[in-house]
N, C-alpha and C. Protein backbone atom coordinates (compact mmCIF):
# COMPACT_ATOMS: atom_id res chain seq x y z
N UNK A 1 -48.45 -58.70 -42.89
CA UNK A 1 -47.38 -57.76 -42.86
C UNK A 1 -46.42 -58.16 -41.78
N UNK A 2 -45.13 -57.87 -42.03
CA UNK A 2 -44.06 -58.18 -41.12
C UNK A 2 -43.34 -56.90 -40.79
N UNK A 3 -42.99 -56.73 -39.57
CA UNK A 3 -42.20 -55.52 -39.15
C UNK A 3 -40.87 -55.48 -39.91
N UNK A 4 -40.60 -54.44 -40.60
CA UNK A 4 -39.36 -54.34 -41.41
C UNK A 4 -38.12 -54.47 -40.56
N UNK A 5 -38.19 -54.03 -39.32
CA UNK A 5 -37.00 -54.15 -38.46
C UNK A 5 -36.58 -55.65 -38.28
N UNK A 6 -37.53 -56.54 -38.34
CA UNK A 6 -37.25 -57.92 -38.21
C UNK A 6 -36.42 -58.41 -39.44
N UNK A 7 -36.87 -58.03 -40.61
CA UNK A 7 -36.08 -58.38 -41.78
C UNK A 7 -34.67 -57.75 -41.77
N UNK A 8 -34.56 -56.52 -41.30
CA UNK A 8 -33.27 -55.86 -41.20
C UNK A 8 -32.37 -56.58 -40.23
N UNK A 9 -32.93 -57.10 -39.17
CA UNK A 9 -32.13 -57.89 -38.18
C UNK A 9 -31.67 -59.20 -38.82
N UNK A 10 -32.48 -59.82 -39.63
CA UNK A 10 -32.14 -61.00 -40.33
C UNK A 10 -30.95 -60.75 -41.27
N UNK A 11 -30.98 -59.64 -42.05
CA UNK A 11 -29.93 -59.33 -42.98
C UNK A 11 -28.64 -59.04 -42.13
N UNK A 12 -28.75 -58.35 -41.04
CA UNK A 12 -27.62 -58.12 -40.14
C UNK A 12 -27.03 -59.41 -39.62
N UNK A 13 -27.88 -60.36 -39.30
CA UNK A 13 -27.38 -61.72 -38.87
C UNK A 13 -26.62 -62.42 -39.98
N UNK A 14 -27.11 -62.26 -41.17
CA UNK A 14 -26.47 -62.87 -42.32
C UNK A 14 -25.04 -62.28 -42.47
N UNK A 15 -24.92 -61.03 -42.33
CA UNK A 15 -23.62 -60.35 -42.47
C UNK A 15 -22.58 -60.76 -41.41
N UNK A 16 -23.09 -61.34 -40.29
CA UNK A 16 -22.17 -61.85 -39.27
C UNK A 16 -21.79 -63.30 -39.50
N UNK A 17 -22.32 -63.90 -40.48
CA UNK A 17 -21.97 -65.32 -40.75
C UNK A 17 -20.57 -65.37 -41.40
N UNK A 18 -19.98 -66.57 -41.39
CA UNK A 18 -18.69 -66.74 -42.13
C UNK A 18 -18.82 -66.26 -43.54
N UNK A 19 -17.71 -65.68 -44.04
CA UNK A 19 -17.63 -65.00 -45.33
C UNK A 19 -18.33 -65.79 -46.45
N UNK A 20 -17.98 -67.04 -46.60
CA UNK A 20 -18.46 -67.85 -47.72
C UNK A 20 -20.00 -68.02 -47.59
N UNK A 21 -20.44 -68.32 -46.38
CA UNK A 21 -21.87 -68.48 -46.13
C UNK A 21 -22.64 -67.19 -46.35
N UNK A 22 -22.08 -66.09 -45.85
CA UNK A 22 -22.69 -64.79 -46.00
C UNK A 22 -22.86 -64.46 -47.52
N UNK A 23 -21.80 -64.68 -48.28
CA UNK A 23 -21.86 -64.36 -49.67
C UNK A 23 -22.95 -65.22 -50.39
N UNK A 24 -23.08 -66.48 -50.05
CA UNK A 24 -24.03 -67.37 -50.67
C UNK A 24 -25.42 -66.94 -50.32
N UNK A 25 -25.65 -66.56 -49.00
CA UNK A 25 -26.94 -66.13 -48.62
C UNK A 25 -27.32 -64.81 -49.27
N UNK A 26 -26.46 -63.87 -49.33
CA UNK A 26 -26.79 -62.63 -49.99
C UNK A 26 -27.10 -62.77 -51.49
N UNK A 27 -26.34 -63.69 -52.11
CA UNK A 27 -26.68 -63.98 -53.55
C UNK A 27 -28.03 -64.57 -53.68
N UNK A 28 -28.36 -65.52 -52.73
CA UNK A 28 -29.63 -66.20 -52.76
C UNK A 28 -30.81 -65.22 -52.56
N UNK A 29 -30.58 -64.24 -51.68
CA UNK A 29 -31.65 -63.27 -51.42
C UNK A 29 -31.80 -62.31 -52.60
N UNK A 30 -30.70 -61.92 -53.19
CA UNK A 30 -30.77 -61.02 -54.36
C UNK A 30 -30.77 -59.55 -53.94
N UNK A 31 -30.24 -58.77 -54.86
CA UNK A 31 -30.11 -57.30 -54.65
C UNK A 31 -31.46 -56.57 -54.53
N UNK A 32 -32.44 -57.03 -55.27
CA UNK A 32 -33.77 -56.37 -55.28
C UNK A 32 -34.38 -56.47 -53.89
N UNK A 33 -34.44 -57.64 -53.36
CA UNK A 33 -35.10 -57.83 -52.04
C UNK A 33 -34.26 -57.14 -50.94
N UNK A 34 -32.94 -57.22 -51.00
CA UNK A 34 -32.07 -56.56 -50.06
C UNK A 34 -32.34 -55.07 -50.10
N UNK A 35 -32.35 -54.51 -51.29
CA UNK A 35 -32.64 -53.06 -51.50
C UNK A 35 -33.95 -52.64 -50.91
N UNK A 36 -34.98 -53.46 -51.14
CA UNK A 36 -36.32 -53.18 -50.62
C UNK A 36 -36.30 -53.13 -49.10
N UNK A 37 -35.64 -54.10 -48.46
CA UNK A 37 -35.52 -54.15 -47.03
C UNK A 37 -34.76 -52.97 -46.53
N UNK A 38 -33.67 -52.65 -47.18
CA UNK A 38 -32.82 -51.46 -46.76
C UNK A 38 -33.68 -50.20 -46.76
N UNK A 39 -34.57 -50.05 -47.71
CA UNK A 39 -35.32 -48.80 -47.83
C UNK A 39 -36.47 -48.64 -46.88
N UNK A 40 -36.83 -49.69 -46.20
CA UNK A 40 -37.90 -49.56 -45.20
C UNK A 40 -37.38 -48.85 -43.94
N UNK A 41 -38.23 -48.08 -43.31
CA UNK A 41 -37.92 -47.54 -42.00
C UNK A 41 -38.09 -48.67 -40.97
N UNK A 42 -37.40 -48.53 -39.86
CA UNK A 42 -37.40 -49.56 -38.81
C UNK A 42 -38.83 -49.89 -38.37
N UNK A 43 -39.71 -48.98 -38.26
CA UNK A 43 -41.01 -49.28 -37.71
C UNK A 43 -42.12 -49.56 -38.88
N UNK A 44 -41.66 -49.53 -40.12
CA UNK A 44 -42.58 -49.80 -41.24
C UNK A 44 -42.88 -51.24 -41.32
N UNK A 45 -43.91 -51.56 -42.05
CA UNK A 45 -44.34 -52.93 -42.31
C UNK A 45 -43.99 -53.28 -43.76
N UNK A 46 -43.60 -54.55 -43.96
CA UNK A 46 -43.38 -55.05 -45.28
C UNK A 46 -44.30 -56.18 -45.60
N UNK A 47 -44.62 -56.41 -46.85
CA UNK A 47 -45.56 -57.53 -47.14
C UNK A 47 -44.99 -58.83 -46.68
N UNK A 48 -45.88 -59.63 -46.09
CA UNK A 48 -45.44 -60.95 -45.53
C UNK A 48 -44.87 -61.80 -46.66
N UNK A 49 -45.37 -61.71 -47.88
CA UNK A 49 -44.87 -62.52 -49.01
C UNK A 49 -43.40 -62.16 -49.28
N UNK A 50 -43.05 -60.92 -49.15
CA UNK A 50 -41.61 -60.54 -49.36
C UNK A 50 -40.80 -61.11 -48.21
N UNK A 51 -41.24 -61.05 -47.01
CA UNK A 51 -40.48 -61.61 -45.88
C UNK A 51 -40.35 -63.11 -46.10
N UNK A 52 -41.32 -63.78 -46.56
CA UNK A 52 -41.19 -65.21 -46.77
C UNK A 52 -40.23 -65.54 -47.91
N UNK A 53 -40.08 -64.62 -48.90
CA UNK A 53 -39.05 -64.81 -49.91
C UNK A 53 -37.68 -64.82 -49.26
N UNK A 54 -37.49 -63.89 -48.26
CA UNK A 54 -36.23 -63.89 -47.49
C UNK A 54 -36.01 -65.20 -46.78
N UNK A 55 -37.03 -65.67 -46.10
CA UNK A 55 -36.98 -66.96 -45.33
C UNK A 55 -36.67 -68.11 -46.26
N UNK A 56 -37.35 -68.12 -47.41
CA UNK A 56 -37.20 -69.20 -48.40
C UNK A 56 -35.81 -69.18 -48.98
N UNK A 57 -35.24 -68.00 -49.24
CA UNK A 57 -33.89 -67.93 -49.77
C UNK A 57 -32.86 -68.53 -48.81
N UNK A 58 -33.05 -68.26 -47.51
CA UNK A 58 -32.21 -68.87 -46.47
C UNK A 58 -32.27 -70.37 -46.52
N UNK A 59 -33.54 -70.89 -46.59
CA UNK A 59 -33.76 -72.36 -46.57
C UNK A 59 -33.17 -72.99 -47.90
N UNK A 60 -33.34 -72.31 -48.98
CA UNK A 60 -32.81 -72.81 -50.25
C UNK A 60 -31.28 -72.84 -50.26
N UNK A 61 -30.69 -71.82 -49.67
CA UNK A 61 -29.18 -71.70 -49.62
C UNK A 61 -28.60 -72.68 -48.64
N UNK A 62 -29.17 -72.78 -47.46
CA UNK A 62 -28.59 -73.60 -46.40
C UNK A 62 -29.13 -74.97 -46.22
N UNK A 63 -30.25 -75.27 -46.82
CA UNK A 63 -30.95 -76.56 -46.61
C UNK A 63 -31.75 -76.43 -45.31
N UNK A 64 -32.60 -77.43 -45.07
CA UNK A 64 -33.49 -77.35 -43.91
C UNK A 64 -32.73 -77.33 -42.57
N UNK A 65 -31.78 -78.19 -42.40
CA UNK A 65 -30.99 -78.22 -41.14
C UNK A 65 -30.18 -76.95 -40.94
N UNK A 66 -29.60 -76.47 -42.04
CA UNK A 66 -28.77 -75.23 -41.99
C UNK A 66 -29.61 -74.06 -41.66
N UNK A 67 -30.81 -74.01 -42.29
CA UNK A 67 -31.77 -72.90 -42.02
C UNK A 67 -32.24 -72.90 -40.57
N UNK A 68 -32.48 -74.10 -40.05
CA UNK A 68 -32.91 -74.14 -38.63
C UNK A 68 -31.79 -73.62 -37.74
N UNK A 69 -30.52 -74.05 -38.02
CA UNK A 69 -29.38 -73.56 -37.19
C UNK A 69 -29.24 -72.02 -37.33
N UNK A 70 -29.45 -71.52 -38.57
CA UNK A 70 -29.38 -70.08 -38.79
C UNK A 70 -30.39 -69.35 -37.93
N UNK A 71 -31.68 -69.81 -37.98
CA UNK A 71 -32.72 -69.13 -37.22
C UNK A 71 -32.50 -69.26 -35.67
N UNK A 72 -31.92 -70.38 -35.31
CA UNK A 72 -31.65 -70.59 -33.87
C UNK A 72 -30.62 -69.53 -33.39
N UNK A 73 -29.56 -69.37 -34.19
CA UNK A 73 -28.53 -68.39 -33.84
C UNK A 73 -29.08 -66.95 -33.98
N UNK A 74 -29.83 -66.67 -35.00
CA UNK A 74 -30.35 -65.34 -35.23
C UNK A 74 -31.29 -64.93 -34.16
N UNK A 75 -32.18 -65.81 -33.73
CA UNK A 75 -33.17 -65.45 -32.74
C UNK A 75 -32.54 -65.45 -31.32
N UNK A 76 -31.48 -66.25 -31.16
CA UNK A 76 -30.80 -66.18 -29.86
C UNK A 76 -30.20 -64.79 -29.61
N UNK A 77 -29.63 -64.24 -30.68
CA UNK A 77 -29.13 -62.84 -30.57
C UNK A 77 -30.30 -61.82 -30.43
N UNK A 78 -31.41 -62.07 -31.13
CA UNK A 78 -32.55 -61.13 -31.00
C UNK A 78 -33.11 -61.10 -29.57
N UNK A 79 -33.00 -62.16 -28.80
CA UNK A 79 -33.48 -62.18 -27.45
C UNK A 79 -32.81 -61.17 -26.55
N UNK A 80 -31.62 -60.69 -27.05
CA UNK A 80 -30.83 -59.73 -26.29
C UNK A 80 -31.03 -58.26 -26.80
N UNK A 81 -31.79 -58.14 -27.88
CA UNK A 81 -31.94 -56.84 -28.56
C UNK A 81 -33.21 -56.09 -28.07
N UNK A 82 -33.29 -54.80 -28.52
CA UNK A 82 -34.31 -53.91 -28.08
C UNK A 82 -35.76 -54.50 -28.22
N UNK A 83 -36.05 -55.11 -29.33
CA UNK A 83 -37.40 -55.53 -29.59
C UNK A 83 -37.84 -56.67 -28.66
N UNK A 84 -36.99 -57.66 -28.45
CA UNK A 84 -37.44 -58.84 -27.69
C UNK A 84 -36.86 -58.92 -26.29
N UNK A 85 -35.87 -58.11 -26.00
CA UNK A 85 -35.25 -58.13 -24.63
C UNK A 85 -36.32 -57.81 -23.50
N UNK A 86 -37.17 -56.81 -23.67
CA UNK A 86 -38.20 -56.57 -22.67
C UNK A 86 -39.15 -57.73 -22.47
N UNK A 87 -39.50 -58.45 -23.51
CA UNK A 87 -40.31 -59.63 -23.40
C UNK A 87 -39.62 -60.74 -22.65
N UNK A 88 -38.34 -60.91 -22.99
CA UNK A 88 -37.57 -61.97 -22.33
C UNK A 88 -37.46 -61.73 -20.84
N UNK A 89 -37.14 -60.46 -20.44
CA UNK A 89 -37.02 -60.12 -19.02
C UNK A 89 -38.35 -60.20 -18.34
N UNK A 90 -39.44 -59.82 -19.00
CA UNK A 90 -40.77 -59.94 -18.41
C UNK A 90 -41.18 -61.41 -18.23
N UNK A 91 -40.85 -62.23 -19.23
CA UNK A 91 -41.21 -63.63 -19.18
C UNK A 91 -40.58 -64.31 -17.97
N UNK A 92 -39.32 -64.01 -17.72
CA UNK A 92 -38.53 -64.63 -16.61
C UNK A 92 -39.15 -64.12 -15.29
N UNK A 93 -39.50 -62.81 -15.24
CA UNK A 93 -40.10 -62.27 -13.99
C UNK A 93 -41.46 -62.89 -13.71
N UNK A 94 -42.26 -63.15 -14.77
CA UNK A 94 -43.65 -63.66 -14.56
C UNK A 94 -43.67 -65.13 -14.35
N UNK A 95 -42.95 -65.89 -15.25
CA UNK A 95 -43.09 -67.29 -15.31
C UNK A 95 -41.89 -68.10 -14.76
N UNK A 96 -40.83 -67.40 -14.41
CA UNK A 96 -39.65 -68.04 -13.87
C UNK A 96 -38.56 -68.39 -14.90
N UNK A 97 -37.50 -68.96 -14.42
CA UNK A 97 -36.31 -69.19 -15.27
C UNK A 97 -36.37 -70.56 -15.89
N UNK A 98 -37.21 -70.71 -16.96
CA UNK A 98 -37.32 -71.99 -17.66
C UNK A 98 -37.65 -71.70 -19.10
N UNK A 99 -37.48 -72.66 -19.96
CA UNK A 99 -37.81 -72.46 -21.37
C UNK A 99 -39.27 -72.11 -21.58
N UNK A 100 -40.15 -72.67 -20.73
CA UNK A 100 -41.57 -72.41 -20.83
C UNK A 100 -41.84 -70.89 -20.70
N UNK A 101 -41.07 -70.20 -19.82
CA UNK A 101 -41.29 -68.76 -19.63
C UNK A 101 -41.05 -67.98 -20.88
N UNK A 102 -39.99 -68.29 -21.64
CA UNK A 102 -39.83 -67.56 -22.93
C UNK A 102 -40.83 -68.04 -23.97
N UNK A 103 -41.02 -69.32 -24.03
CA UNK A 103 -42.00 -69.83 -25.07
C UNK A 103 -43.40 -69.30 -24.86
N UNK A 104 -43.81 -69.07 -23.62
CA UNK A 104 -45.14 -68.53 -23.36
C UNK A 104 -45.27 -67.06 -23.84
N UNK A 105 -44.17 -66.42 -24.09
CA UNK A 105 -44.21 -65.06 -24.59
C UNK A 105 -44.23 -65.01 -26.11
N UNK A 106 -44.18 -66.17 -26.78
CA UNK A 106 -44.20 -66.17 -28.20
C UNK A 106 -45.44 -65.45 -28.81
N UNK A 107 -46.62 -65.60 -28.26
CA UNK A 107 -47.74 -64.87 -28.83
C UNK A 107 -47.54 -63.36 -28.81
N UNK A 108 -46.93 -62.81 -27.72
CA UNK A 108 -46.67 -61.38 -27.70
C UNK A 108 -45.60 -61.00 -28.75
N UNK A 109 -44.60 -61.82 -28.87
CA UNK A 109 -43.55 -61.55 -29.85
C UNK A 109 -44.15 -61.56 -31.28
N UNK A 110 -44.98 -62.56 -31.49
CA UNK A 110 -45.61 -62.62 -32.81
C UNK A 110 -46.47 -61.42 -33.15
N UNK A 111 -47.16 -60.88 -32.12
CA UNK A 111 -47.98 -59.64 -32.28
C UNK A 111 -47.04 -58.46 -32.59
N UNK A 112 -45.90 -58.43 -32.04
CA UNK A 112 -44.92 -57.31 -32.24
C UNK A 112 -44.45 -57.29 -33.69
N UNK A 113 -44.19 -58.48 -34.27
CA UNK A 113 -43.56 -58.51 -35.59
C UNK A 113 -44.49 -58.76 -36.75
N UNK A 114 -45.79 -59.02 -36.44
CA UNK A 114 -46.77 -59.27 -37.54
C UNK A 114 -47.97 -58.33 -37.43
N UNK A 115 -48.60 -58.12 -38.54
CA UNK A 115 -49.89 -57.48 -38.59
C UNK A 115 -50.70 -58.26 -39.62
N UNK A 116 -51.86 -58.62 -39.20
CA UNK A 116 -52.70 -59.55 -40.07
C UNK A 116 -51.94 -60.82 -40.39
N UNK A 117 -51.19 -61.28 -39.38
CA UNK A 117 -50.37 -62.52 -39.59
C UNK A 117 -50.88 -63.71 -38.85
N UNK A 118 -52.13 -63.68 -38.56
CA UNK A 118 -52.71 -64.78 -37.77
C UNK A 118 -52.49 -64.57 -36.29
N UNK A 119 -52.74 -65.63 -35.56
CA UNK A 119 -52.56 -65.57 -34.08
C UNK A 119 -51.68 -66.68 -33.67
N UNK A 120 -51.15 -66.54 -32.45
CA UNK A 120 -50.34 -67.57 -31.80
C UNK A 120 -50.80 -67.75 -30.42
N UNK A 121 -50.90 -68.96 -29.94
CA UNK A 121 -51.25 -69.27 -28.63
C UNK A 121 -50.36 -70.44 -28.12
N UNK A 122 -50.26 -70.62 -26.88
CA UNK A 122 -49.45 -71.73 -26.33
C UNK A 122 -50.41 -72.74 -25.67
N UNK A 123 -49.91 -73.96 -25.72
CA UNK A 123 -50.59 -75.09 -25.06
C UNK A 123 -49.59 -75.76 -24.18
N UNK A 124 -49.70 -75.65 -22.86
CA UNK A 124 -48.77 -76.32 -21.96
C UNK A 124 -48.88 -77.79 -22.01
N UNK A 125 -47.78 -78.49 -21.94
CA UNK A 125 -47.72 -79.94 -21.92
C UNK A 125 -46.70 -80.27 -20.84
N UNK A 126 -47.08 -80.07 -19.55
CA UNK A 126 -46.09 -80.32 -18.45
C UNK A 126 -45.63 -81.75 -18.49
N UNK A 127 -44.43 -82.05 -17.94
CA UNK A 127 -43.61 -81.02 -17.31
C UNK A 127 -42.62 -80.34 -18.22
N UNK A 128 -42.23 -80.96 -19.37
CA UNK A 128 -41.20 -80.39 -20.18
C UNK A 128 -41.51 -80.20 -21.65
N UNK A 129 -42.72 -79.69 -21.94
CA UNK A 129 -43.10 -79.52 -23.30
C UNK A 129 -44.15 -78.39 -23.36
N UNK A 130 -44.23 -77.79 -24.55
CA UNK A 130 -45.21 -76.78 -24.87
C UNK A 130 -45.45 -76.83 -26.34
N UNK A 131 -46.68 -76.49 -26.77
CA UNK A 131 -47.00 -76.44 -28.20
C UNK A 131 -47.34 -75.01 -28.52
N UNK A 132 -46.65 -74.49 -29.58
CA UNK A 132 -47.01 -73.16 -30.09
C UNK A 132 -47.97 -73.39 -31.24
N UNK A 133 -49.15 -72.82 -31.15
CA UNK A 133 -50.19 -73.01 -32.18
C UNK A 133 -50.39 -71.73 -32.92
N UNK A 134 -49.98 -71.73 -34.17
CA UNK A 134 -50.16 -70.59 -35.06
C UNK A 134 -51.40 -70.86 -35.86
N UNK A 135 -52.41 -69.91 -35.73
CA UNK A 135 -53.72 -70.18 -36.34
C UNK A 135 -54.09 -68.95 -37.25
N UNK A 136 -54.96 -69.19 -38.16
CA UNK A 136 -55.44 -68.12 -39.10
C UNK A 136 -54.31 -67.53 -39.86
N UNK A 137 -53.32 -68.33 -40.16
CA UNK A 137 -52.18 -67.81 -40.90
C UNK A 137 -52.52 -67.49 -42.36
N UNK A 138 -52.14 -66.35 -42.83
CA UNK A 138 -52.35 -66.13 -44.30
C UNK A 138 -51.52 -67.14 -45.07
N UNK A 139 -51.90 -67.34 -46.30
CA UNK A 139 -51.31 -68.38 -47.11
C UNK A 139 -49.76 -68.31 -47.13
N UNK A 140 -49.21 -67.05 -47.33
CA UNK A 140 -47.76 -66.95 -47.49
C UNK A 140 -47.00 -67.33 -46.24
N UNK A 141 -47.60 -67.19 -45.08
CA UNK A 141 -46.91 -67.54 -43.82
C UNK A 141 -47.05 -69.08 -43.49
N UNK A 142 -47.79 -69.76 -44.31
CA UNK A 142 -47.83 -71.22 -44.15
C UNK A 142 -46.76 -71.89 -44.97
N UNK A 143 -45.92 -71.16 -45.58
CA UNK A 143 -44.77 -71.73 -46.41
C UNK A 143 -43.97 -72.59 -45.56
N UNK A 144 -43.64 -73.85 -46.01
CA UNK A 144 -42.80 -74.73 -45.20
C UNK A 144 -41.43 -74.12 -44.78
N UNK A 145 -40.90 -73.14 -45.53
CA UNK A 145 -39.66 -72.48 -45.14
C UNK A 145 -39.80 -71.83 -43.75
N UNK A 146 -41.03 -71.48 -43.43
CA UNK A 146 -41.23 -70.78 -42.13
C UNK A 146 -41.07 -71.74 -40.97
N UNK A 147 -41.20 -73.05 -41.22
CA UNK A 147 -41.04 -74.04 -40.16
C UNK A 147 -39.66 -73.93 -39.52
N UNK A 148 -38.62 -73.70 -40.31
CA UNK A 148 -37.27 -73.61 -39.80
C UNK A 148 -37.11 -72.37 -38.91
N UNK A 149 -37.80 -71.31 -39.30
CA UNK A 149 -37.74 -70.09 -38.45
C UNK A 149 -38.39 -70.38 -37.10
N UNK A 150 -39.56 -70.95 -37.08
CA UNK A 150 -40.28 -71.22 -35.82
C UNK A 150 -39.55 -72.26 -34.97
N UNK A 151 -39.07 -73.37 -35.56
CA UNK A 151 -38.42 -74.38 -34.79
C UNK A 151 -37.01 -73.89 -34.28
N UNK A 152 -36.30 -73.23 -35.15
CA UNK A 152 -34.99 -72.69 -34.76
C UNK A 152 -35.19 -71.60 -33.66
N UNK A 153 -36.18 -70.78 -33.80
CA UNK A 153 -36.43 -69.77 -32.73
C UNK A 153 -36.84 -70.42 -31.45
N UNK A 154 -37.61 -71.46 -31.50
CA UNK A 154 -38.00 -72.13 -30.29
C UNK A 154 -36.79 -72.80 -29.55
N UNK A 155 -35.96 -73.40 -30.36
CA UNK A 155 -34.73 -73.97 -29.78
C UNK A 155 -33.80 -72.92 -29.21
N UNK A 156 -33.82 -71.70 -29.79
CA UNK A 156 -32.99 -70.64 -29.22
C UNK A 156 -33.50 -70.29 -27.80
N UNK A 157 -34.76 -70.40 -27.53
CA UNK A 157 -35.32 -70.15 -26.20
C UNK A 157 -34.76 -71.22 -25.21
N UNK A 158 -34.68 -72.48 -25.67
CA UNK A 158 -34.11 -73.55 -24.84
C UNK A 158 -32.73 -73.24 -24.51
N UNK A 159 -31.90 -72.91 -25.54
CA UNK A 159 -30.50 -72.63 -25.36
C UNK A 159 -30.30 -71.44 -24.45
N UNK A 160 -31.07 -70.38 -24.64
CA UNK A 160 -30.91 -69.19 -23.85
C UNK A 160 -31.12 -69.44 -22.34
N UNK A 161 -32.00 -70.40 -22.04
CA UNK A 161 -32.33 -70.76 -20.66
C UNK A 161 -31.46 -71.86 -20.14
N UNK A 162 -30.48 -72.38 -20.96
CA UNK A 162 -29.55 -73.39 -20.47
C UNK A 162 -30.08 -74.81 -20.53
N UNK A 163 -31.06 -75.10 -21.42
CA UNK A 163 -31.62 -76.41 -21.56
C UNK A 163 -31.32 -77.00 -22.90
N UNK A 164 -31.45 -78.29 -23.07
CA UNK A 164 -31.36 -78.99 -24.35
C UNK A 164 -32.73 -79.41 -24.76
N UNK A 165 -32.91 -79.65 -26.03
CA UNK A 165 -34.23 -80.15 -26.51
C UNK A 165 -34.38 -79.94 -27.99
N UNK A 166 -35.58 -80.14 -28.46
CA UNK A 166 -35.90 -80.04 -29.90
C UNK A 166 -37.25 -79.40 -30.06
N UNK A 167 -37.41 -78.85 -31.28
CA UNK A 167 -38.74 -78.32 -31.68
C UNK A 167 -39.03 -78.95 -33.05
N UNK A 168 -40.28 -79.38 -33.19
CA UNK A 168 -40.72 -80.02 -34.46
C UNK A 168 -41.99 -79.26 -34.91
N UNK A 169 -42.08 -79.08 -36.24
CA UNK A 169 -43.21 -78.38 -36.83
C UNK A 169 -44.07 -79.40 -37.55
N UNK A 170 -45.41 -79.13 -37.50
CA UNK A 170 -46.38 -79.96 -38.19
C UNK A 170 -47.56 -79.12 -38.59
N UNK A 171 -48.25 -79.53 -39.58
CA UNK A 171 -49.52 -78.88 -40.01
C UNK A 171 -50.48 -78.94 -38.75
N UNK A 172 -51.21 -77.91 -38.53
CA UNK A 172 -52.15 -77.87 -37.45
C UNK A 172 -53.44 -78.53 -37.78
N UNK A 173 -54.39 -78.32 -36.91
CA UNK A 173 -55.72 -79.00 -37.05
C UNK A 173 -56.54 -78.47 -38.20
N UNK A 174 -56.24 -77.22 -38.71
CA UNK A 174 -56.94 -76.66 -39.80
C UNK A 174 -55.89 -76.35 -40.89
N UNK A 175 -56.39 -76.08 -42.09
CA UNK A 175 -55.53 -75.82 -43.22
C UNK A 175 -54.67 -74.58 -43.04
N UNK A 176 -55.10 -73.63 -42.24
CA UNK A 176 -54.35 -72.44 -42.09
C UNK A 176 -53.64 -72.31 -40.70
N UNK A 177 -53.23 -73.51 -40.19
CA UNK A 177 -52.55 -73.49 -38.91
C UNK A 177 -51.29 -74.37 -38.94
N UNK A 178 -50.37 -74.04 -38.05
CA UNK A 178 -49.12 -74.77 -37.91
C UNK A 178 -48.87 -74.95 -36.39
N UNK A 179 -48.38 -76.12 -35.97
CA UNK A 179 -48.04 -76.35 -34.59
C UNK A 179 -46.60 -76.70 -34.42
N UNK A 180 -45.97 -76.04 -33.42
CA UNK A 180 -44.58 -76.29 -33.14
C UNK A 180 -44.53 -76.91 -31.76
N UNK A 181 -44.10 -78.19 -31.67
CA UNK A 181 -44.01 -78.89 -30.40
C UNK A 181 -42.61 -78.82 -29.93
N UNK A 182 -42.38 -78.22 -28.71
CA UNK A 182 -41.08 -78.02 -28.13
C UNK A 182 -40.97 -78.93 -26.90
N UNK A 183 -39.85 -79.70 -26.86
CA UNK A 183 -39.62 -80.55 -25.72
C UNK A 183 -38.19 -80.33 -25.21
N UNK A 184 -37.98 -80.29 -23.87
CA UNK A 184 -36.72 -79.92 -23.35
C UNK A 184 -36.37 -80.80 -22.13
N UNK A 185 -35.07 -80.71 -21.80
CA UNK A 185 -34.53 -81.40 -20.61
C UNK A 185 -33.42 -80.54 -20.08
N UNK A 186 -33.12 -80.71 -18.77
CA UNK A 186 -31.99 -79.99 -18.19
C UNK A 186 -30.69 -80.53 -18.75
N UNK A 187 -29.67 -79.70 -18.78
CA UNK A 187 -28.35 -80.09 -19.29
C UNK A 187 -27.66 -80.94 -18.26
């Protein structure tokens, strides 16, 4: 299950895109899925499979690189909003002003937006890398379209903290896991 407010934030992000891109994305998502998302309360849960349909529609419409850019921009804005802002501020207070601080909070953010969505843990790779390990993922959350969400979101943490770098996704050690390797450098 995915927190419906997350899907609502995604639709809101789409509506802020350039007109042509917005129209293409909304067409790709379709009226049925948009209506379903609109009808959920902010704190309700929606089936992960339906959320992945939203993620897949973005990837299909924008392509892999465009989807990664979309998720990077969308999650950069989310770091300033009610749901994730307290995590961002706490991460900086606890771990300092570096990309690692935000990325180490990914497990808590994953717990906020998922229920029965597997687990997330971090693996430090000093000095300038970290691996996000998503384990015990249900089948629908292992969809390759999710890779753009995770890598774009990771890169948004780098950007928010004023660093450059990349995030790459790969299948994890088990069939139900995915690993996101994030590497950064100072600007």
